[in-house]
Amino acid sequence: MDKKSLKDRITNVSGMPKDVVLGVPLLTVTGKNEICIENYRGILEYTDKLIRVQTKLGKIHVIGRGLQVEYYTNDEMKIVGCITMIEFCEGGV
């Protein structure tokens, strides 16, 4: 049995959310002007048009205009601005 199948089974049996058990990123998008990303590892690139974020499972690219990181903690960040695209790139650290 591979690790992923075992983790998925543990998650299902325990009833705990996958983001907690597996450490996967959790994105909350509010309209086209706000996104909260939980369970991230770091900010790789930060411009007003592109914010690249590293997660356990890969990179998340937030693309738009006037982008800003409104706040960040060890677990969560909030990006605001005019978001035109969210892109997921596989390959974690």
N, C-alpha and C. Protein backbone atom coordinates (compact mmCIF):
# COMPACT_ATOMS: atom_id res chain seq x y z
N MET A 1 0.85 -1.18 0.00
CA MET A 1 0.00 0.00 0.00
C MET A 1 0.89 1.24 0.00
N ASP A 2 0.61 2.19 -0.87
CA ASP A 2 1.44 3.39 -0.92
C ASP A 2 1.04 4.37 0.17
N LYS A 3 1.93 5.36 0.42
CA LYS A 3 1.73 6.33 1.49
C LYS A 3 0.47 7.15 1.30
N LYS A 4 0.19 7.53 0.07
CA LYS A 4 -0.98 8.37 -0.19
C LYS A 4 -2.27 7.63 0.18
N SER A 5 -2.38 6.39 -0.21
CA SER A 5 -3.58 5.61 0.10
C SER A 5 -3.75 5.46 1.61
N LEU A 6 -2.68 5.21 2.32
CA LEU A 6 -2.74 5.06 3.77
C LEU A 6 -3.17 6.36 4.42
N LYS A 7 -2.60 7.48 3.99
CA LYS A 7 -2.97 8.78 4.56
C LYS A 7 -4.43 9.10 4.27
N ASP A 8 -4.89 8.80 3.06
CA ASP A 8 -6.29 9.04 2.72
C ASP A 8 -7.22 8.19 3.59
N ARG A 9 -6.85 6.95 3.81
CA ARG A 9 -7.67 6.07 4.66
C ARG A 9 -7.70 6.57 6.09
N ILE A 10 -6.54 7.01 6.60
CA ILE A 10 -6.49 7.54 7.97
C ILE A 10 -7.36 8.78 8.08
N THR A 11 -7.30 9.62 7.08
CA THR A 11 -8.12 10.84 7.07
C THR A 11 -9.60 10.48 7.10
N ASN A 12 -10.00 9.53 6.27
CA ASN A 12 -11.41 9.13 6.21
C ASN A 12 -11.88 8.52 7.51
N VAL A 13 -11.06 7.67 8.12
CA VAL A 13 -11.44 7.00 9.36
C VAL A 13 -11.48 7.97 10.52
N SER A 14 -10.51 8.88 10.59
CA SER A 14 -10.43 9.80 11.72
C SER A 14 -11.50 10.88 11.66
N GLY A 15 -12.02 11.16 10.47
CA GLY A 15 -13.01 12.21 10.33
C GLY A 15 -12.41 13.61 10.37
N MET A 16 -11.08 13.69 10.41
CA MET A 16 -10.42 15.00 10.44
C MET A 16 -10.29 15.55 9.03
N PRO A 17 -10.29 16.88 8.89
CA PRO A 17 -10.14 17.47 7.56
C PRO A 17 -8.80 17.13 6.92
N LYS A 18 -8.80 16.97 5.60
CA LYS A 18 -7.58 16.62 4.88
C LYS A 18 -6.50 17.68 5.03
N ASP A 19 -6.89 18.97 5.08
CA ASP A 19 -5.86 20.00 5.19
C ASP A 19 -5.09 19.87 6.49
N VAL A 20 -5.74 19.37 7.55
CA VAL A 20 -5.06 19.19 8.83
C VAL A 20 -4.17 17.96 8.80
N VAL A 21 -4.71 16.84 8.35
CA VAL A 21 -3.98 15.57 8.37
C VAL A 21 -2.85 15.55 7.35
N LEU A 22 -3.12 16.01 6.14
CA LEU A 22 -2.15 15.90 5.06
C LEU A 22 -1.31 17.17 4.86
N GLY A 23 -1.70 18.27 5.49
CA GLY A 23 -0.95 19.52 5.32
C GLY A 23 -1.11 20.14 3.95
N VAL A 24 -2.21 19.80 3.26
CA VAL A 24 -2.43 20.36 1.93
C VAL A 24 -2.88 21.81 2.04
N PRO A 25 -2.60 22.60 1.02
CA PRO A 25 -3.02 24.00 1.08
C PRO A 25 -4.54 24.12 1.01
N LEU A 26 -5.05 25.09 1.72
CA LEU A 26 -6.47 25.39 1.72
C LEU A 26 -6.63 26.81 1.22
N LEU A 27 -7.36 26.99 0.11
CA LEU A 27 -7.57 28.31 -0.47
C LEU A 27 -9.01 28.74 -0.27
N THR A 28 -9.17 29.97 0.18
CA THR A 28 -10.50 30.57 0.30
C THR A 28 -10.50 31.82 -0.57
N VAL A 29 -11.30 31.78 -1.63
CA VAL A 29 -11.36 32.88 -2.57
C VAL A 29 -12.66 33.64 -2.35
N THR A 30 -12.55 34.96 -2.18
CA THR A 30 -13.72 35.80 -2.01
C THR A 30 -13.81 36.71 -3.23
N GLY A 31 -14.75 36.41 -4.11
CA GLY A 31 -14.87 37.19 -5.34
C GLY A 31 -13.60 37.11 -6.15
N LYS A 32 -13.26 38.22 -6.80
CA LYS A 32 -12.02 38.24 -7.58
C LYS A 32 -10.99 39.17 -6.96
N ASN A 33 -11.23 39.58 -5.71
CA ASN A 33 -10.35 40.56 -5.08
C ASN A 33 -9.64 40.07 -3.83
N GLU A 34 -9.82 38.82 -3.45
CA GLU A 34 -9.23 38.37 -2.19
C GLU A 34 -9.04 36.86 -2.19
N ILE A 35 -7.88 36.41 -1.69
CA ILE A 35 -7.63 34.98 -1.53
C ILE A 35 -6.84 34.77 -0.25
N CYS A 36 -7.26 33.81 0.55
CA CYS A 36 -6.51 33.40 1.74
C CYS A 36 -5.93 32.02 1.46
N ILE A 37 -4.65 31.86 1.74
CA ILE A 37 -3.97 30.58 1.54
C ILE A 37 -3.46 30.09 2.88
N GLU A 38 -3.92 28.91 3.28
CA GLU A 38 -3.46 28.29 4.52
C GLU A 38 -2.52 27.15 4.18
N ASN A 39 -1.65 26.80 5.11
CA ASN A 39 -0.69 25.69 4.96
C ASN A 39 0.30 25.94 3.83
N TYR A 40 0.86 27.13 3.77
CA TYR A 40 1.88 27.42 2.78
C TYR A 40 3.25 27.34 3.44
N ARG A 41 4.29 27.27 2.62
CA ARG A 41 5.66 27.17 3.16
C ARG A 41 6.45 28.45 3.00
N GLY A 42 6.16 29.22 1.97
CA GLY A 42 6.90 30.46 1.78
C GLY A 42 6.48 31.20 0.53
N ILE A 43 6.89 32.45 0.44
CA ILE A 43 6.64 33.28 -0.73
C ILE A 43 7.90 33.24 -1.60
N LEU A 44 7.75 32.80 -2.84
CA LEU A 44 8.88 32.67 -3.76
C LEU A 44 9.10 33.91 -4.60
N GLU A 45 8.02 34.58 -4.96
CA GLU A 45 8.10 35.78 -5.79
C GLU A 45 6.93 36.68 -5.43
N TYR A 46 7.18 37.99 -5.39
CA TYR A 46 6.15 38.93 -4.98
C TYR A 46 6.26 40.20 -5.81
N THR A 47 5.36 40.34 -6.78
CA THR A 47 5.24 41.59 -7.53
C THR A 47 3.77 41.99 -7.50
N ASP A 48 3.45 43.14 -8.08
CA ASP A 48 2.05 43.56 -8.09
C ASP A 48 1.22 42.81 -9.14
N LYS A 49 1.90 41.98 -9.97
CA LYS A 49 1.20 41.19 -10.99
C LYS A 49 1.25 39.68 -10.75
N LEU A 50 2.18 39.23 -9.92
CA LEU A 50 2.36 37.80 -9.68
C LEU A 50 2.87 37.57 -8.26
N ILE A 51 2.19 36.67 -7.56
CA ILE A 51 2.69 36.21 -6.26
C ILE A 51 2.79 34.69 -6.35
N ARG A 52 4.02 34.17 -6.22
CA ARG A 52 4.26 32.73 -6.26
C ARG A 52 4.47 32.23 -4.85
N VAL A 53 3.70 31.21 -4.47
CA VAL A 53 3.71 30.69 -3.11
C VAL A 53 4.08 29.21 -3.15
N GLN A 54 5.01 28.80 -2.30
CA GLN A 54 5.40 27.38 -2.20
C GLN A 54 4.52 26.70 -1.17
N THR A 55 4.00 25.52 -1.51
CA THR A 55 3.25 24.68 -0.57
C THR A 55 3.90 23.30 -0.54
N LYS A 56 3.40 22.46 0.31
CA LYS A 56 3.92 21.10 0.42
C LYS A 56 3.73 20.31 -0.89
N LEU A 57 2.65 20.61 -1.61
CA LEU A 57 2.33 19.87 -2.83
C LEU A 57 2.83 20.52 -4.11
N GLY A 58 3.31 21.74 -4.04
CA GLY A 58 3.77 22.44 -5.23
C GLY A 58 3.64 23.94 -5.06
N LYS A 59 3.58 24.63 -6.18
CA LYS A 59 3.51 26.09 -6.16
C LYS A 59 2.12 26.56 -6.55
N ILE A 60 1.72 27.68 -5.99
CA ILE A 60 0.48 28.35 -6.36
C ILE A 60 0.88 29.72 -6.89
N HIS A 61 0.41 30.03 -8.10
CA HIS A 61 0.67 31.34 -8.71
C HIS A 61 -0.63 32.13 -8.67
N VAL A 62 -0.61 33.27 -8.03
CA VAL A 62 -1.75 34.17 -8.04
C VAL A 62 -1.38 35.30 -9.00
N ILE A 63 -2.17 35.46 -10.04
CA ILE A 63 -1.87 36.40 -11.11
C ILE A 63 -2.98 37.45 -11.17
N GLY A 64 -2.58 38.70 -11.36
CA GLY A 64 -3.58 39.76 -11.45
C GLY A 64 -2.94 41.13 -11.55
N ARG A 65 -3.64 42.13 -11.00
CA ARG A 65 -3.17 43.52 -11.01
C ARG A 65 -3.30 44.10 -9.61
N GLY A 66 -2.33 44.89 -9.22
CA GLY A 66 -2.37 45.54 -7.91
C GLY A 66 -2.36 44.56 -6.75
N LEU A 67 -1.68 43.43 -6.92
CA LEU A 67 -1.67 42.41 -5.87
C LEU A 67 -0.80 42.84 -4.70
N GLN A 68 -1.28 42.54 -3.50
CA GLN A 68 -0.54 42.82 -2.27
C GLN A 68 -0.82 41.72 -1.27
N VAL A 69 0.19 41.40 -0.48
CA VAL A 69 -0.03 40.50 0.66
C VAL A 69 -0.49 41.39 1.80
N GLU A 70 -1.77 41.27 2.17
CA GLU A 70 -2.33 42.12 3.23
C GLU A 70 -1.77 41.72 4.59
N TYR A 71 -1.65 40.40 4.82
CA TYR A 71 -1.02 39.92 6.05
C TYR A 71 -0.55 38.49 5.82
N TYR A 72 0.37 38.06 6.66
CA TYR A 72 0.78 36.66 6.65
C TYR A 72 1.23 36.26 8.04
N THR A 73 0.99 35.00 8.37
CA THR A 73 1.45 34.39 9.61
C THR A 73 2.21 33.13 9.22
N ASN A 74 2.58 32.32 10.18
CA ASN A 74 3.25 31.05 9.87
C ASN A 74 2.35 30.09 9.10
N ASP A 75 1.03 30.24 9.24
CA ASP A 75 0.09 29.28 8.66
C ASP A 75 -0.76 29.83 7.52
N GLU A 76 -0.96 31.15 7.48
CA GLU A 76 -1.95 31.71 6.57
C GLU A 76 -1.48 33.05 6.01
N MET A 77 -1.93 33.33 4.79
CA MET A 77 -1.68 34.65 4.20
C MET A 77 -2.94 35.10 3.47
N LYS A 78 -3.08 36.41 3.35
CA LYS A 78 -4.20 36.98 2.61
C LYS A 78 -3.64 37.88 1.52
N ILE A 79 -4.05 37.61 0.28
CA ILE A 79 -3.63 38.39 -0.88
C ILE A 79 -4.86 39.16 -1.38
N VAL A 80 -4.67 40.44 -1.63
CA VAL A 80 -5.76 41.27 -2.15
C VAL A 80 -5.31 41.93 -3.44
N GLY A 81 -6.27 42.36 -4.25
CA GLY A 81 -6.01 43.00 -5.53
C GLY A 81 -7.00 42.46 -6.54
N CYS A 82 -6.77 42.73 -7.80
CA CYS A 82 -7.63 42.20 -8.86
C CYS A 82 -7.03 40.88 -9.35
N ILE A 83 -7.60 39.77 -8.88
CA ILE A 83 -7.08 38.44 -9.21
C ILE A 83 -7.71 37.97 -10.52
N THR A 84 -6.87 37.66 -11.50
CA THR A 84 -7.37 37.20 -12.79
C THR A 84 -7.16 35.71 -13.02
N MET A 85 -6.20 35.12 -12.28
CA MET A 85 -5.94 33.69 -12.47
C MET A 85 -5.24 33.11 -11.23
N ILE A 86 -5.58 31.86 -10.93
CA ILE A 86 -4.88 31.09 -9.90
C ILE A 86 -4.38 29.83 -10.59
N GLU A 87 -3.09 29.59 -10.51
CA GLU A 87 -2.47 28.47 -11.22
C GLU A 87 -1.77 27.56 -10.20
N PHE A 88 -1.96 26.25 -10.39
CA PHE A 88 -1.33 25.25 -9.53
C PHE A 88 -0.24 24.53 -10.31
N CYS A 89 0.96 24.49 -9.76
CA CYS A 89 2.08 23.81 -10.39
C CYS A 89 2.55 22.70 -9.46
N GLU A 90 2.55 21.47 -9.95
CA GLU A 90 2.91 20.33 -9.12
C GLU A 90 4.39 20.33 -8.77
N GLY A 91 4.70 19.60 -7.71
CA GLY A 91 6.09 19.44 -7.30
C GLY A 91 6.35 20.15 -6.00
N GLY A 92 6.22 19.43 -4.91
CA GLY A 92 6.45 20.01 -3.59
C GLY A 92 7.90 19.99 -3.20
N VAL A 93 8.16 20.55 -2.03
CA VAL A 93 9.52 20.58 -1.49
C VAL A 93 9.70 19.41 -0.58
